[in-house]
Protein backbone atom coordinates (compact mmCIF):
# COMPACT_ATOMS: atom_id res chain seq x y z
CA UNK A 1 260.58 105.80 193.03
CA UNK A 2 262.58 108.58 191.36
CA UNK A 3 266.14 106.77 191.00
CA UNK A 4 269.59 107.43 188.96
CA UNK A 5 272.12 104.54 188.10
CA UNK A 6 275.44 106.62 187.65
CA UNK A 7 277.40 103.66 185.39
CA UNK A 8 281.75 104.34 185.92
CA UNK A 9 280.41 105.76 188.33
CA UNK A 10 284.01 106.02 190.19
CA UNK A 11 284.26 108.36 192.95
CA UNK A 12 280.94 109.36 192.01
CA UNK A 13 281.82 112.96 190.98
CA UNK A 14 277.32 112.92 189.67
CA UNK A 15 275.47 112.31 192.94
CA UNK A 16 278.40 115.48 194.34
CA UNK A 17 276.22 117.10 191.59
CA UNK A 18 273.06 116.58 192.23
CA UNK A 19 273.71 116.98 195.59
CA UNK A 20 275.09 120.76 195.92
CA UNK A 21 272.05 121.26 193.33
CA UNK A 22 269.68 120.04 196.10
CA UNK A 23 268.20 117.18 193.74
CA UNK A 24 267.30 114.95 196.21
CA UNK A 25 267.16 111.55 194.93
CA UNK A 26 265.14 107.78 196.60
CA UNK A 27 268.16 105.74 195.39
CA UNK A 28 271.49 106.11 193.94
CA UNK A 29 272.59 102.39 191.68
CA UNK A 30 276.57 102.63 191.02
CA UNK A 31 278.23 100.37 189.10
CA UNK A 32 281.94 100.61 189.20
CA UNK A 33 284.59 97.70 189.60
CA UNK A 34 288.12 100.61 191.27
CA UNK A 35 287.49 99.16 195.14
CA UNK A 36 289.55 102.08 196.21
CA UNK A 37 287.17 103.92 193.50
CA UNK A 38 284.42 102.56 195.69
CA UNK A 39 285.70 103.72 199.35
CA UNK A 40 285.84 106.98 198.33
CA UNK A 41 281.92 107.44 197.21
CA UNK A 42 280.49 104.50 200.81
CA UNK A 43 282.68 106.93 203.09
CA UNK A 44 281.13 110.52 201.18
CA UNK A 45 278.13 109.29 200.19
CA UNK A 46 276.89 105.37 202.27
CA UNK A 47 273.24 105.07 200.70
CA UNK A 48 274.49 104.89 197.48
CA UNK A 49 273.85 101.70 196.34
CA UNK A 50 276.77 99.46 194.68
CA UNK A 51 275.56 96.74 191.50
CA UNK A 52 279.25 96.28 190.46
CA UNK A 53 280.10 95.76 186.93
CA UNK A 54 278.45 97.18 184.17
CA UNK A 55 278.28 94.06 183.07
CA UNK A 56 276.19 92.22 184.28
CA UNK A 57 272.81 94.70 185.15
CA UNK A 58 270.31 93.65 184.17
CA UNK A 59 268.14 96.74 183.52
CA UNK A 60 265.06 95.61 183.08
CA UNK A 61 264.55 94.56 186.37
CA UNK A 62 265.19 97.97 187.60
CA UNK A 63 262.32 100.20 188.40
CA UNK A 64 261.67 104.14 187.11
CA UNK A 65 264.76 104.97 186.53
CA UNK A 66 265.07 108.44 185.74
CA UNK A 67 268.80 108.94 184.44
CA UNK A 68 271.31 107.58 183.98
CA UNK A 69 274.90 108.88 183.15
CA UNK A 70 278.42 107.64 182.68
CA UNK A 71 281.87 108.11 181.68
CA UNK A 72 282.70 105.13 179.68
CA UNK A 73 285.73 104.27 179.13
CA UNK A 74 288.09 106.93 176.94
CA UNK A 75 291.59 104.60 176.33
CA UNK A 76 290.61 103.13 172.32
CA UNK A 77 288.98 107.00 171.99
CA UNK A 78 292.30 109.29 173.47
CA UNK A 79 295.27 110.45 171.66
CA UNK A 80 296.99 109.05 174.54
CA UNK A 81 295.68 105.77 174.10
CA UNK A 82 295.06 102.76 171.47
CA UNK A 83 292.43 104.40 169.47
CA UNK A 84 291.37 101.76 167.82
CA UNK A 85 287.80 102.43 169.24
CA UNK A 86 285.81 99.82 169.45
CA UNK A 87 286.35 96.45 167.44
CA UNK A 88 287.21 92.96 168.25
CA UNK A 89 290.14 90.91 168.84
CA UNK A 90 289.77 90.26 165.37
CA UNK A 91 289.41 94.16 164.75
CA UNK A 92 285.62 94.24 164.01
CA UNK A 93 284.93 97.61 164.18
CA UNK A 94 281.01 97.95 166.52
CA UNK A 95 278.52 100.68 165.31
CA UNK A 96 275.28 99.71 166.97
CA UNK A 97 274.37 97.53 170.09
CA UNK A 98 272.71 95.22 168.03
CA UNK A 99 276.10 93.79 166.13
CA UNK A 100 277.67 93.50 169.47
CA UNK A 101 274.88 92.17 171.63
CA UNK A 102 274.99 89.63 168.23
CA UNK A 103 279.61 88.71 169.13
CA UNK A 104 278.14 89.37 173.03
CA UNK A 105 276.40 86.34 172.98
CA UNK A 106 278.65 84.31 170.32
CA UNK A 107 281.26 84.42 172.50
CA UNK A 108 284.22 86.87 170.81
CA UNK A 109 286.28 89.09 173.21
CA UNK A 110 286.95 92.65 172.28
CA UNK A 111 289.31 94.87 172.69
CA UNK A 112 290.33 97.28 176.09
CA UNK A 113 287.82 99.08 177.32
CA UNK A 114 286.34 101.56 174.76
CA UNK A 115 283.19 98.81 173.90
CA UNK A 116 282.03 98.92 177.30
CA UNK A 117 279.82 102.41 175.83
CA UNK A 118 277.89 99.54 174.39
CA UNK A 119 276.73 98.80 177.52
CA UNK A 120 275.19 101.78 178.60
CA UNK A 121 272.84 102.41 174.93
CA UNK A 122 272.07 98.47 176.55
CA UNK A 123 271.11 100.07 180.12
CA UNK A 124 270.02 103.39 178.22
CA UNK A 125 266.78 101.02 176.15
CA UNK A 126 266.73 98.46 179.15
CA UNK A 127 265.48 101.12 181.32
CA UNK A 128 263.41 103.70 179.80
CA UNK A 129 265.73 106.59 181.48
CA UNK A 130 263.17 109.73 181.33
CA UNK A 131 266.91 111.95 181.16
CA UNK A 132 270.78 110.95 179.77
CA UNK A 133 274.21 112.14 179.49
CA UNK A 134 277.17 110.03 178.44
CA UNK A 135 281.08 111.95 178.78
CA UNK A 136 283.81 111.34 176.83
CA UNK A 137 286.97 112.74 175.05
CA UNK A 138 287.09 115.20 172.62
CA UNK A 139 289.77 114.59 171.12
CA UNK A 140 288.14 111.42 169.97
CA UNK A 141 288.09 110.21 165.66
CA UNK A 142 284.96 111.95 164.67
CA UNK A 143 283.98 108.14 162.87
CA UNK A 144 283.37 107.15 166.53
CA UNK A 145 282.05 110.21 167.18
CA UNK A 146 279.13 110.16 164.26
CA UNK A 147 278.67 106.54 165.67
CA UNK A 148 277.70 107.39 169.47
CA UNK A 149 275.73 110.27 168.31
CA UNK A 150 273.51 107.95 165.79
CA UNK A 151 273.44 105.76 168.64
CA UNK A 152 272.43 108.23 171.83
CA UNK A 153 270.36 110.07 169.06
CA UNK A 154 271.84 113.21 169.44
CA UNK A 155 275.34 115.56 168.82
CA UNK A 156 277.39 116.09 171.44
CA UNK A 157 278.01 119.40 173.21
CA UNK A 158 281.61 119.91 173.54
CA UNK A 159 282.80 121.60 176.85
CA UNK A 160 286.25 122.20 177.76
CA UNK A 161 286.68 122.51 181.73
CA UNK A 162 288.78 125.32 181.15
CA UNK A 163 285.68 127.17 181.62
CA UNK A 164 284.62 126.59 185.02
CA UNK A 165 287.74 126.01 186.43
CA UNK A 166 291.44 126.30 185.54
CA UNK A 167 292.37 123.07 184.53
CA UNK A 168 292.47 122.62 181.41
CA UNK A 169 289.63 119.68 179.58
CA UNK A 170 288.13 119.45 176.64
CA UNK A 171 285.19 116.46 176.31
CA UNK A 172 282.02 116.44 174.75
CA UNK A 173 278.95 115.84 176.52
CA UNK A 174 275.72 113.66 174.56
CA UNK A 175 272.67 114.34 177.05
CA UNK A 176 268.59 114.59 176.04
CA UNK A 177 268.63 117.37 179.69
CA UNK A 178 266.64 120.64 178.30
CA UNK A 179 268.52 123.71 177.60
CA UNK A 180 272.14 122.99 177.83
CA UNK A 181 274.77 125.53 176.98
CA UNK A 182 278.62 125.90 176.45
CA UNK A 183 279.24 127.71 179.71
CA UNK A 184 280.45 131.25 180.01
CA UNK A 185 284.05 131.64 180.77
CA UNK A 186 284.94 132.16 184.52
CA UNK A 187 287.93 133.20 183.31
CA UNK A 188 289.32 131.50 186.19
CA UNK A 189 293.93 131.30 186.26
CA UNK A 190 296.01 128.50 187.87
CA UNK A 191 297.29 131.03 190.59
CA UNK A 192 293.64 131.72 190.90
CA UNK A 193 293.40 128.20 193.26
CA UNK A 194 296.67 127.73 193.70
CA UNK A 195 298.64 131.24 195.32
CA UNK A 196 301.96 132.01 193.57
CA UNK A 197 301.75 129.61 190.62
CA UNK A 198 301.66 130.94 186.69
CA UNK A 199 300.64 127.73 185.40
CA UNK A 200 301.01 124.58 184.11
CA UNK A 201 303.79 122.76 183.20
CA UNK A 202 304.18 118.38 182.75
CA UNK A 203 307.23 117.01 181.88
CA UNK A 204 306.94 114.58 178.62
CA UNK A 205 308.94 113.19 175.74
CA UNK A 206 310.15 115.11 172.94
CA UNK A 207 311.86 113.26 169.90
CA UNK A 208 314.90 113.18 170.23
CA UNK A 209 316.37 114.35 166.77
CA UNK A 210 320.66 114.51 167.52
CA UNK A 211 319.93 110.10 167.13
CA UNK A 212 317.96 109.29 164.65
CA UNK A 213 316.22 105.93 164.91
CA UNK A 214 316.37 102.48 167.35
CA UNK A 215 317.16 99.23 165.01
CA UNK A 216 314.04 98.75 165.78
CA UNK A 217 312.90 101.69 163.61
CA UNK A 218 311.74 103.99 166.82
CA UNK A 219 312.61 107.13 168.02
CA UNK A 220 314.56 107.83 170.55
CA UNK A 221 312.94 110.15 173.20
CA UNK A 222 313.92 112.83 175.91
CA UNK A 223 311.65 113.72 178.92
CA UNK A 224 311.93 117.36 178.72
CA UNK A 225 309.63 119.89 180.83
CA UNK A 226 306.56 121.74 179.03
CA UNK A 227 304.71 125.31 180.28
CA UNK A 228 301.26 126.28 179.54
CA UNK A 229 300.64 130.16 178.18
CA UNK A 230 297.37 129.93 179.10
CA UNK A 231 297.72 130.26 182.67
CA UNK A 232 295.86 127.23 183.37
CA UNK A 233 296.20 122.97 184.54
CA UNK A 234 297.39 120.69 182.22
CA UNK A 235 294.48 118.09 182.32
CA UNK A 236 294.61 116.34 185.20
CA UNK A 237 295.35 112.17 183.62
CA UNK A 238 295.63 108.90 186.61
CA UNK A 239 299.78 109.87 186.82
CA UNK A 240 301.59 112.88 188.05
CA UNK A 241 303.62 113.42 185.52
CA UNK A 242 301.65 116.01 183.66
CA UNK A 243 300.49 117.22 187.29
CA UNK A 244 302.70 120.25 187.47
CA UNK A 245 303.48 123.66 187.22
CA UNK A 246 305.51 127.02 188.09
CA UNK A 247 306.32 129.19 191.57
CA UNK A 248 308.30 131.14 191.65
CA UNK A 249 310.15 129.28 188.18
CA UNK A 250 310.50 126.07 190.11
CA UNK A 251 308.76 123.10 188.78
CA UNK A 252 306.15 121.72 191.90
CA UNK A 253 304.30 118.99 191.35
CA UNK A 254 300.55 118.79 192.43
CA UNK A 255 299.28 117.71 194.96
CA UNK A 256 296.13 115.36 195.57
CA UNK A 257 294.14 117.80 197.23
CA UNK A 258 295.11 121.32 194.75
CA UNK A 259 294.33 118.12 191.93
CA UNK A 260 290.65 117.81 193.85
CA UNK A 261 290.32 121.87 193.80
CA UNK A 262 290.57 121.77 189.79
CA UNK A 263 288.22 118.97 189.65
CA UNK A 264 285.87 121.40 191.32
CA UNK A 265 286.00 119.16 194.31
CA UNK A 266 285.13 120.03 197.81
CA UNK A 267 289.74 119.79 199.09
CA UNK A 268 290.60 116.43 200.88
CA UNK A 269 287.44 114.74 199.18
CA UNK A 270 289.39 111.57 198.11
CA UNK A 271 291.28 111.85 201.21
CA UNK A 272 290.11 108.77 203.26
CA UNK A 273 292.05 105.18 204.81
CA UNK A 274 293.54 103.14 202.57
CA UNK A 275 293.76 105.56 199.39
CA UNK A 276 297.11 106.09 198.66
CA UNK A 277 298.47 109.69 197.12
CA UNK A 278 298.54 107.88 193.48
CA UNK A 279 294.82 106.39 194.53
CA UNK A 280 293.84 109.68 194.09
CA UNK A 281 295.62 111.04 191.69
CA UNK A 282 293.92 107.95 189.11
CA UNK A 283 290.88 108.15 190.57
CA UNK A 284 290.79 111.74 189.81
CA UNK A 285 292.24 111.11 186.73
CA UNK A 286 289.17 109.07 185.64
CA UNK A 287 286.54 111.62 187.38
CA UNK A 288 284.29 113.97 186.03
CA UNK A 289 284.68 118.29 186.79
CA UNK A 290 282.34 118.94 188.81
CA UNK A 291 281.45 122.44 188.06
CA UNK A 292 280.71 121.66 184.52
CA UNK A 293 277.71 118.56 186.01
CA UNK A 294 276.69 121.74 188.03
CA UNK A 295 276.27 123.40 184.64
CA UNK A 296 274.95 120.30 182.47
CA UNK A 297 272.05 119.71 185.41
CA UNK A 298 271.20 123.10 185.88
CA UNK A 299 268.86 122.42 182.28
CA UNK A 300 266.55 120.57 184.96
CA UNK A 301 265.03 123.10 186.50
CA UNK A 302 261.29 124.98 185.94
CA UNK A 303 260.72 127.89 184.28
CA UNK A 304 259.86 127.94 188.27
CA UNK A 305 263.29 127.31 188.86
CA UNK A 306 262.95 124.90 190.69
CA UNK A 307 263.96 121.33 189.21
CA UNK A 308 262.24 119.06 187.44
CA UNK A 309 264.19 116.03 186.91
CA UNK A 310 261.19 113.82 189.03
CA UNK A 311 258.28 114.99 188.16
CA UNK A 312 257.29 114.21 192.02
């Protein structure tokens, strides 16, 4: 049996990459809890075997997992989040799998979601998967980069989706797939995928220097548009505040279809019954750039230009 386990699967960007490359699997297991994302995956890949919450999966019961992949939650790593990292609610840092399992068995609760990285490590060890791929944000503190690297036994490769697409999306990828390199810059700009688009834009909160501070010491903010200088789109996130672009001097909102293109997905991939435009933006912001994952999986080719992932 040649099986893949995708954790935090979302809308199955990893499965899209495998499918495009012609890598066929016997069973594709997915761990996901977002019902709308699952709906999209099952519509596009109805044979996907959904396993639910990553914490409830027993990897020792899974046979012949040859590839495990996932992008563990970044909310506690990114500068847009809390930046607490992987800690308990009592702010005890969790620095290795043994510590995590001990605290978990003792009934400790963990802050946020980024601690779920340790469930990824647990399942990697339990399944003894031959290959692995983990993704997370590039702007996390170096302490956590080092902790993750130690746990996985490899250093990350930093790839910005802007090298292959018209979206700025800077990410770290930890993998033991052979021959992985940073891709060459294709020079794609926003106008190449959205005719007439000049550059990406967003509406951000800028400190209002004219008002001083609030009674509690916080700054006043005013919403202002910001514009990119590199002719790329802003990194897609779960909302639409920064998902805008300039055309003929006017600000326009990205459509879900345009967001799909920026993630190098098929136009209309997330357009199914029961999934709203805001749902689509949310799941696309949480997803991977398929072109980058294709590039990483291309390292599975043999000298004969055939895929050796599953060694049938």
